[in-house]
C-alpha atoms as a PDB file:
ATOM      1  CA  MET A   1     101.517  87.068 113.669  1.00  0.00           C
ATOM      2  CA  ALA A   2      98.418  87.831 115.737  1.00  0.00           C
ATOM      3  CA  GLN A   3      98.862  88.225 119.471  1.00  0.00           C
ATOM      4  CA  PRO A   4      96.448  86.555 121.903  1.00  0.00           C
ATOM      5  CA  ASP A   5      93.876  88.772 123.567  1.00  0.00           C
ATOM      6  CA  GLY A   6      95.171  90.371 126.732  1.00  0.00           C
ATOM      7  CA  VAL A   7      98.820  90.410 125.677  1.00  0.00           C
ATOM      8  CA  ASP A   8      99.958  93.954 126.145  1.00  0.00           C
ATOM      9  CA  GLN A   9     102.887  95.896 124.874  1.00  0.00           C
ATOM     10  CA  ILE A  10     104.579  98.792 126.593  1.00  0.00           C
ATOM     11  CA  ALA A  11     105.413 101.906 124.666  1.00  0.00           C
ATOM     12  CA  SER A  12     107.270 104.795 126.169  1.00  0.00           C
ATOM     13  CA  SER A  13     107.387 108.352 125.043  1.00  0.00           C
ATOM     14  CA  ALA A  14     110.720 109.985 124.351  1.00  0.00           C
ATOM     15  CA  ASP A  15     110.550 111.361 127.897  1.00  0.00           C
ATOM     16  CA  GLU A  16     112.054 108.515 129.892  1.00  0.00           C
ATOM     17  CA  ASN A  17     110.075 109.516 132.992  1.00  0.00           C
ATOM     18  CA  THR A  18     106.778 108.445 131.470  1.00  0.00           C
ATOM     19  CA  ALA A  19     105.515 105.158 130.103  1.00  0.00           C
ATOM     20  CA  THR A  20     102.188 104.319 128.571  1.00  0.00           C
ATOM     21  CA  ALA A  21     100.700 100.847 128.492  1.00  0.00           C
ATOM     22  CA  VAL A  22      99.157 100.163 125.109  1.00  0.00           C
ATOM     23  CA  SER A  23      96.865  97.188 124.721  1.00  0.00           C
ATOM     24  CA  PHE A  24      97.760  95.181 121.623  1.00  0.00           C
ATOM     25  CA  ALA A  25      94.053  95.281 120.720  1.00  0.00           C
ATOM     26  CA  GLU A  26      94.345  99.089 120.527  1.00  0.00           C
ATOM     27  CA  SER A  27      97.712  99.110 118.750  1.00  0.00           C
ATOM     28  CA  PRO A  28      97.853  99.978 115.066  1.00  0.00           C
ATOM     29  CA  LEU A  29     100.388  97.133 114.729  1.00  0.00           C
ATOM     30  CA  GLN A  30      97.693  94.497 115.220  1.00  0.00           C
ATOM     31  CA  GLU A  31      96.909  94.694 111.496  1.00  0.00           C
ATOM     32  CA  ASP A  32      99.230  92.987 109.003  1.00  0.00           C
ATOM     33  CA  GLY A  33      99.346  95.956 106.613  1.00  0.00           C
ATOM     34  CA  ALA A  34     100.375  98.259 109.457  1.00  0.00           C
ATOM     35  CA  ARG A  35     103.158  95.896 110.497  1.00  0.00           C
ATOM     36  CA  ARG A  36     104.404  95.771 106.887  1.00  0.00           C
ATOM     37  CA  VAL A  37     104.338  99.577 106.594  1.00  0.00           C
ATOM     38  CA  PHE A  38     106.095  99.958 109.950  1.00  0.00           C
ATOM     39  CA  ALA A  39     108.789  97.448 108.930  1.00  0.00           C
ATOM     40  CA  ALA A  40     109.324  99.185 105.575  1.00  0.00           C
ATOM     41  CA  VAL A  41     109.724 102.581 107.255  1.00  0.00           C
ATOM     42  CA  LEU A  42     111.995 101.068 109.910  1.00  0.00           C
ATOM     43  CA  LEU A  43     114.309  99.532 107.323  1.00  0.00           C
ATOM     44  CA  ASP A  44     114.458 102.578 105.049  1.00  0.00           C
ATOM     45  CA  PRO A  45     112.652 105.875 105.735  1.00  0.00           C
ATOM     46  CA  ALA A  46     110.815 106.991 102.614  1.00  0.00           C
ATOM     47  CA  ALA A  47     107.980 108.967 101.068  1.00  0.00           C
ATOM     48  CA  PRO A  48     104.493 107.376 101.252  1.00  0.00           C
ATOM     49  CA  ALA A  49     104.458 106.406  97.550  1.00  0.00           C
ATOM     50  CA  VAL A  50     107.734 104.502  97.974  1.00  0.00           C
ATOM     51  CA  VAL A  51     106.464 102.800 101.140  1.00  0.00           C
ATOM     52  CA  ALA A  52     103.213 101.831  99.375  1.00  0.00           C
ATOM     53  CA  GLU A  53     105.155 100.287  96.499  1.00  0.00           C
ATOM     54  CA  ARG A  54     107.430  98.345  98.877  1.00  0.00           C
ATOM     55  CA  VAL A  55     104.607  96.789 100.845  1.00  0.00           C
ATOM     56  CA  GLY A  56     102.131  96.299  98.008  1.00  0.00           C
ATOM     57  CA  LEU A  57      99.384  98.565  99.352  1.00  0.00           C
ATOM     58  CA  ASP A  58      97.637 101.373  97.521  1.00  0.00           C
ATOM     59  CA  LEU A  59      98.760 104.894  98.392  1.00  0.00           C
ATOM     60  CA  ARG A  60      95.491 105.838 100.117  1.00  0.00           C
ATOM     61  CA  ARG A  61      95.633 102.860 102.497  1.00  0.00           C
ATOM     62  CA  THR A  62      99.340 103.462 103.128  1.00  0.00           C
ATOM     63  CA  MET A  63      98.589 107.067 104.084  1.00  0.00           C
ATOM     64  CA  ARG A  64      95.856 105.907 106.510  1.00  0.00           C
ATOM     65  CA  VAL A  65      98.254 103.410 108.085  1.00  0.00           C
ATOM     66  CA  LEU A  66     101.015 106.024 108.379  1.00  0.00           C
ATOM     67  CA  GLY A  67      98.515 108.393 110.012  1.00  0.00           C
ATOM     68  CA  SER A  68      97.522 105.713 112.518  1.00  0.00           C
ATOM     69  CA  LEU A  69     101.149 104.867 113.282  1.00  0.00           C
ATOM     70  CA  ALA A  70     101.936 108.587 113.672  1.00  0.00           C
ATOM     71  CA  ALA A  71      98.968 109.099 116.007  1.00  0.00           C
ATOM     72  CA  SER A  72     100.355 106.344 118.246  1.00  0.00           C
ATOM     73  CA  GLY A  73     103.799 107.970 118.176  1.00  0.00           C
ATOM     74  CA  LEU A  74     105.538 105.139 116.321  1.00  0.00           C
ATOM     75  CA  VAL A  75     106.429 107.060 113.139  1.00  0.00           C
ATOM     76  CA  GLU A  76     106.845 110.674 112.096  1.00  0.00           C
ATOM     77  CA  SER A  77     107.216 112.638 108.883  1.00  0.00           C
ATOM     78  CA  HIS A  78     109.933 115.172 108.130  1.00  0.00           C
ATOM     79  CA  ASP A  79     109.813 116.919 104.770  1.00  0.00           C
ATOM     80  CA  GLY A  80     107.600 114.152 103.329  1.00  0.00           C
ATOM     81  CA  THR A  81     109.866 111.298 104.436  1.00  0.00           C
ATOM     82  CA  TRP A  82     108.432 108.923 107.020  1.00  0.00           C
ATOM     83  CA  SER A  83     110.671 107.378 109.664  1.00  0.00           C
ATOM     84  CA  VAL A  84     110.298 105.404 112.885  1.00  0.00           C
ATOM     85  CA  VAL A  85     110.490 107.276 116.188  1.00  0.00           C
ATOM     86  CA  THR A  86     113.498 105.401 117.517  1.00  0.00           C
ATOM     87  CA  ALA A  87     113.000 106.584 121.103  1.00  0.00           C
ATOM     88  CA  ARG A  88     109.893 104.403 121.167  1.00  0.00           C
ATOM     89  CA  LEU A  89     111.634 101.363 119.726  1.00  0.00           C
ATOM     90  CA  THR A  90     113.780 100.711 122.746  1.00  0.00           C
ATOM     91  CA  VAL A  91     110.763 100.065 124.927  1.00  0.00           C
ATOM     92  CA  THR A  92     108.211  98.641 122.572  1.00  0.00           C
ATOM     93  CA  ILE A  93     108.041  95.110 123.852  1.00  0.00           C
ATOM     94  CA  ASP A  94     106.940  91.871 122.277  1.00  0.00           C
ATOM     95  CA  ARG A  95     106.012  89.873 125.350  1.00  0.00           C
ATOM     96  CA  ALA A  96     104.435  86.852 123.696  1.00  0.00           C
ATOM     97  CA  ASP A  97     106.520  84.547 125.899  1.00  0.00           C
ATOM     98  CA  LEU A  98     105.926  86.623 129.072  1.00  0.00           C
ATOM     99  CA  PRO A  99     102.152  87.165 129.120  1.00  0.00           C
ATOM    100  CA  ALA A 100     100.537  89.320 131.783  1.00  0.00           C
ATOM    101  CA  GLY A 101     100.275  87.584 135.150  1.00  0.00           C
ATOM    102  CA  THR A 102     103.193  85.216 134.570  1.00  0.00           C
ATOM    103  CA  PRO A 103     104.093  83.834 138.011  1.00  0.00           C
ATOM    104  CA  ILE A 104     107.658  84.122 139.266  1.00  0.00           C
ATOM    105  CA  PRO A 105     108.986  80.545 139.306  1.00  0.00           C
ATOM    106  CA  ARG A 106     110.006  79.095 142.683  1.00  0.00           C
ATOM    107  CA  ARG A 107     112.734  76.748 141.417  1.00  0.00           C
ATOM    108  CA  ALA A 108     116.052  78.584 141.160  1.00  0.00           C
ATOM    109  CA  ALA A 109     116.908  77.460 137.608  1.00  0.00           C
ATOM    110  CA  ALA A 110     113.471  78.329 136.268  1.00  0.00           C
ATOM    111  CA  ARG A 111     113.466  81.644 138.157  1.00  0.00           C
ATOM    112  CA  ASP A 112     116.904  82.522 136.718  1.00  0.00           C
ATOM    113  CA  ALA A 113     115.681  81.871 133.168  1.00  0.00           C
ATOM    114  CA  PHE A 114     112.509  83.886 133.862  1.00  0.00           C
ATOM    115  CA  LEU A 115     114.542  86.783 135.274  1.00  0.00           C
ATOM    116  CA  ARG A 116     116.906  86.796 132.282  1.00  0.00           C
ATOM    117  CA  ARG A 117     113.873  87.038 129.976  1.00  0.00           C
ATOM    118  CA  ALA A 118     112.314  89.782 132.126  1.00  0.00           C
ATOM    119  CA  ALA A 119     115.604  91.718 132.018  1.00  0.00           C
ATOM    120  CA  GLU A 120     115.369  91.693 128.205  1.00  0.00           C
ATOM    121  CA  LEU A 121     112.409  94.056 128.567  1.00  0.00           C
ATOM    122  CA  PHE A 122     114.980  96.785 129.269  1.00  0.00           C
ATOM    123  CA  GLU A 123     117.413  98.260 126.772  1.00  0.00           C
ATOM    124  CA  PRO A 124     121.020  97.622 127.876  1.00  0.00           C
ATOM    125  CA  GLY A 125     122.625 100.771 129.247  1.00  0.00           C
ATOM    126  CA  ALA A 126     119.437 102.850 129.114  1.00  0.00           C
ATOM    127  CA  PRO A 127     118.429 104.542 132.390  1.00  0.00           C
ATOM    128  CA  TYR A 128     114.923 103.816 133.711  1.00  0.00           C
ATOM    129  CA  PRO A 129     113.340 105.662 136.633  1.00  0.00           C
ATOM    130  CA  GLU A 130     111.764 103.362 139.214  1.00  0.00           C
ATOM    131  CA  VAL A 131     108.226 104.326 138.201  1.00  0.00           C
ATOM    132  CA  GLN A 132     108.899 103.209 134.617  1.00  0.00           C
ATOM    133  CA  VAL A 133     110.511  99.948 135.787  1.00  0.00           C
ATOM    134  CA  ASN A 134     107.431  99.315 137.933  1.00  0.00           C
ATOM    135  CA  ARG A 135     105.061  99.902 135.012  1.00  0.00           C
ATOM    136  CA  ILE A 136     106.994  97.585 132.720  1.00  0.00           C
ATOM    137  CA  LEU A 137     107.290  94.815 135.310  1.00  0.00           C
ATOM    138  CA  ALA A 138     103.641  95.176 136.398  1.00  0.00           C
ATOM    139  CA  GLU A 139     102.683  94.053 132.891  1.00  0.00           C
ATOM    140  CA  VAL A 140     104.506  90.770 133.547  1.00  0.00           C
ATOM    141  CA  ASN A 141     103.613  90.129 137.189  1.00  0.00           C
ATOM    142  CA  PRO A 142     101.428  92.049 139.653  1.00  0.00           C
ATOM    143  CA  ASP A 143     104.165  91.711 142.298  1.00  0.00           C
ATOM    144  CA  PHE A 144     106.451  94.042 140.355  1.00  0.00           C
ATOM    145  CA  ALA A 145     108.345  95.016 143.524  1.00  0.00           C
ATOM    146  CA  ALA A 146     109.455  91.424 144.150  1.00  0.00           C
ATOM    147  CA  LEU A 147     110.322  91.001 140.483  1.00  0.00           C
ATOM    148  CA  ARG A 148     112.341  94.246 140.542  1.00  0.00           C
ATOM    149  CA  ARG A 149     114.148  93.114 143.709  1.00  0.00           C
ATOM    150  CA  TYR A 150     114.969  89.706 142.155  1.00  0.00           C
ATOM    151  CA  LEU A 151     116.361  91.439 139.054  1.00  0.00           C
ATOM    152  CA  VAL A 152     118.621  93.629 141.183  1.00  0.00           C
ATOM    153  CA  GLU A 153     119.713  90.711 143.402  1.00  0.00           C
ATOM    154  CA  ALA A 154     120.557  88.678 140.279  1.00  0.00           C
ATOM    155  CA  GLN A 155     122.570  91.687 139.042  1.00  0.00           C
ATOM    156  CA  LEU A 156     120.482  91.817 135.857  1.00  0.00           C
ATOM    157  CA  LEU A 157     119.516  95.397 136.728  1.00  0.00           C
ATOM    158  CA  SER A 158     121.571  97.829 138.756  1.00  0.00           C
ATOM    159  CA  ARG A 159     120.092 100.582 140.892  1.00  0.00           C
ATOM    160  CA  SER A 160     121.512 103.948 141.829  1.00  0.00           C
ATOM    161  CA  ASN A 161     119.496 106.896 143.194  1.00  0.00           C
ATOM    162  CA  GLY A 162     116.202 105.436 141.986  1.00  0.00           C
ATOM    163  CA  ILE A 163     117.493 104.864 138.432  1.00  0.00           C
ATOM    164  CA  TYR A 164     117.747 101.328 137.072  1.00  0.00           C
ATOM    165  CA  VAL A 165     120.050 100.211 134.271  1.00  0.00           C
ATOM    166  CA  ARG A 166     120.373  96.835 132.586  1.00  0.00           C
ATOM    167  CA  GLY A 167     124.045  95.910 132.326  1.00  0.00           C
END
């Protein structure tokens, strides 16, 4: 499913203190073949020939796609078997229903629903430094500080010593 222009995804490196915003337009996952290869590797790590057979692509194209996914840090190869970098999965976000610039609703019921959806951007139990929380929330709303404060007040995120955790 193609994403509208301007919808971004956040990808984080394995180092939880850094986060990198990746425009969907620059993501290798914008192409259907890449999404199929990624899904095949996610479900069952395998050699390129096996992945190519699963997704119905020729081996050469599969290798190009795997190279592109590896360059973006989404997959890696160990002894010829390709697998997904799971550290990146927890913060790769599909924000189709929370596009950039989404205003924080004023009505309490709508704001609560919005905050619950925003909280889903964080993996339950995973620690996030404040700078990473800010980067993730800034992709939803430019007033990330207010959004962060609302999430804490609603007890959807907890804060201790500058580290945030979704309960």
